[in-house]
Amino acid sequence: MQNFSVKEARQESAIGVAATVSGWIRTRRDSKGGFSFLEVNDGSCLGNLQVVAPAELTNYESEVRHLTAGCSVRVVGQIVASGGAGQATELRAEAITIYGGADPETYPLQKKRHTLEKLREWAHLRPRTNAIGAVMRVRNRVCRSIHDFFQEDGFLYIQTPIITASDCEGAGEMFRVTTLDADKPARTPAGEVDFAQDFFGKRTHLTVSGQLEGEVYASALGKIYTFGPTFRAENSHTSRHLAEFWMVEPEAAFYELPDNIDLAQAFLKRIVGDVLRDCQEDLALFTERIDADLMPRLEKLVADDFVRLPYTEAITRLTDSGESFEYPVTWGSDLQAEHERFLTEKQFGAPVVLYDYPASIKPFYMYVNEPDTAGRLTVRAMDVLVPGVGEIIGGSQREHRLEVLERRMAEQSLDPAEYWWYTDLRRYGSVPHSGFGLGLERMVQYVTGMANIRDVIPFPRTPLSAEF
């Protein structure tokens, strides 16, 4: 007797096999012929396995006929060809064990379709629904593709700190990590909080990025990537932001900006291609219920090269478009989601890589170009924009010239003493190097068509919400 997942049991190759399948009841339908049809799902795939439970089972009247949605069972029987429409196989039960019941009066996941907003209130149960189960299977495929892509290209997986004393982005919106008494913290003679008495002896935070530490290892090992949780204390309630999310950040020595763009394009094509190949059943659900244009958009990303556009030209296209934007567009301003989506959805109908942004709106560590003909300074930054989402990757060539890096740090009022180890990398064997960051949740949103980022992470962390 073999243990089969529902996914395995639904394959035609399983016909004729004696199998054990475990899972949860989705529905039960009783026949006048003296048997019941049970729909069982174990999360391995979107579709259910039909179980035919005959009245001859010893617990048929006492238990099987009382099964309701949410009950957990183990079914032993024979996988046979199904005469029902839309399914290749079914399981003829020879024994059914009930592990746990689910009171139909209180179990919230009944036949009625619930909104995604409502399901967030039941984050402990929502993985049992079709939509969230499909999202998590796709998320798993995306994560596997991330590791496969970089491992096959010779990148080493490096784990960078979650707790840090460095602010990579310079935004200041970071979660503080402390063991000091919140009511009576230790104080200096001047009355300020004395972080020298804290656990690490200094002010520390949850990381917003593993990039700076990643550069350390790229400077020794050549090509690395990090993949882990990051944290931003932004008081944002939009459908695009989370306080805790996952980032993948490759960093490569001797890569300049064009190499970085090539890597980002190949990376996105690999992820989307893998999802298209391996998640067809789940994608069909998203196309039917979430986004009818999903499949053409994904197929186009895989098939076409990305548009590459300097920031300055993008500004010209936006200002000449005749569009009425909520946020005015001028050279030197950061682009908003409406601008990004105009470029990707209306102007080009394809992913767009913007590069060479104004230095004034980018962090200190990005490589500074020579001034343009108008005397304006730009940096070798790049953002990958995709239809339906906007920015999905942000990256740059890093500044490897010590004197320029120190000047940029001074311009942004950063204390070089706090980054002594980072500037040391420019003193000892400095090389051109580049990298980027991809938000996992943004990627999952893109390949599923889900509108709200809270629905593509198992347990969303947002302002005023840290349940489960």
Foldseek 3Di string as FASTA:
>chain_A
DAEDEQVRLQDLVQAFPWYKYKFWWQAWDDDPVAWIWTWGHHLPALGTAIEIGHNPEPCCVPPVVPAGGGWIKMFTAGWHADPDPPTGIHGYGPYMDTDGGDPPVPPPDHPDDDDPVVCLVVLVPVCPDSQLSLLVVLLVLLVVLLVVVQVVVPAAEDEADQKDPDAQFLPPQFAWDWPADPVDADADPVGHHQCCPTPVRHTMTGAQDRVLVLVVVCLPRFKYKYKAKGAGNDQDDDLQDFRIFIKIKMKGFPDALVNQLVSVLVSLLSSLVSCVVPSVNSLVVLCVPFNVCQVVQSVCSNPDDAAEEEPVVLLVCVVPVPDDDPDDGDQPDDDDQVSQQCCCVPVPVFKYKYFFHFPVVGALFFAWDQQDPVRTITGGKIFIQGHPQGTFKIKHWTHLALVSSVVSCVVSVHDVVSVVVSSVCSVPNTGTMMMMMGTSLSSSCSNSVDRGSCSNDSNTHHVPDDDD
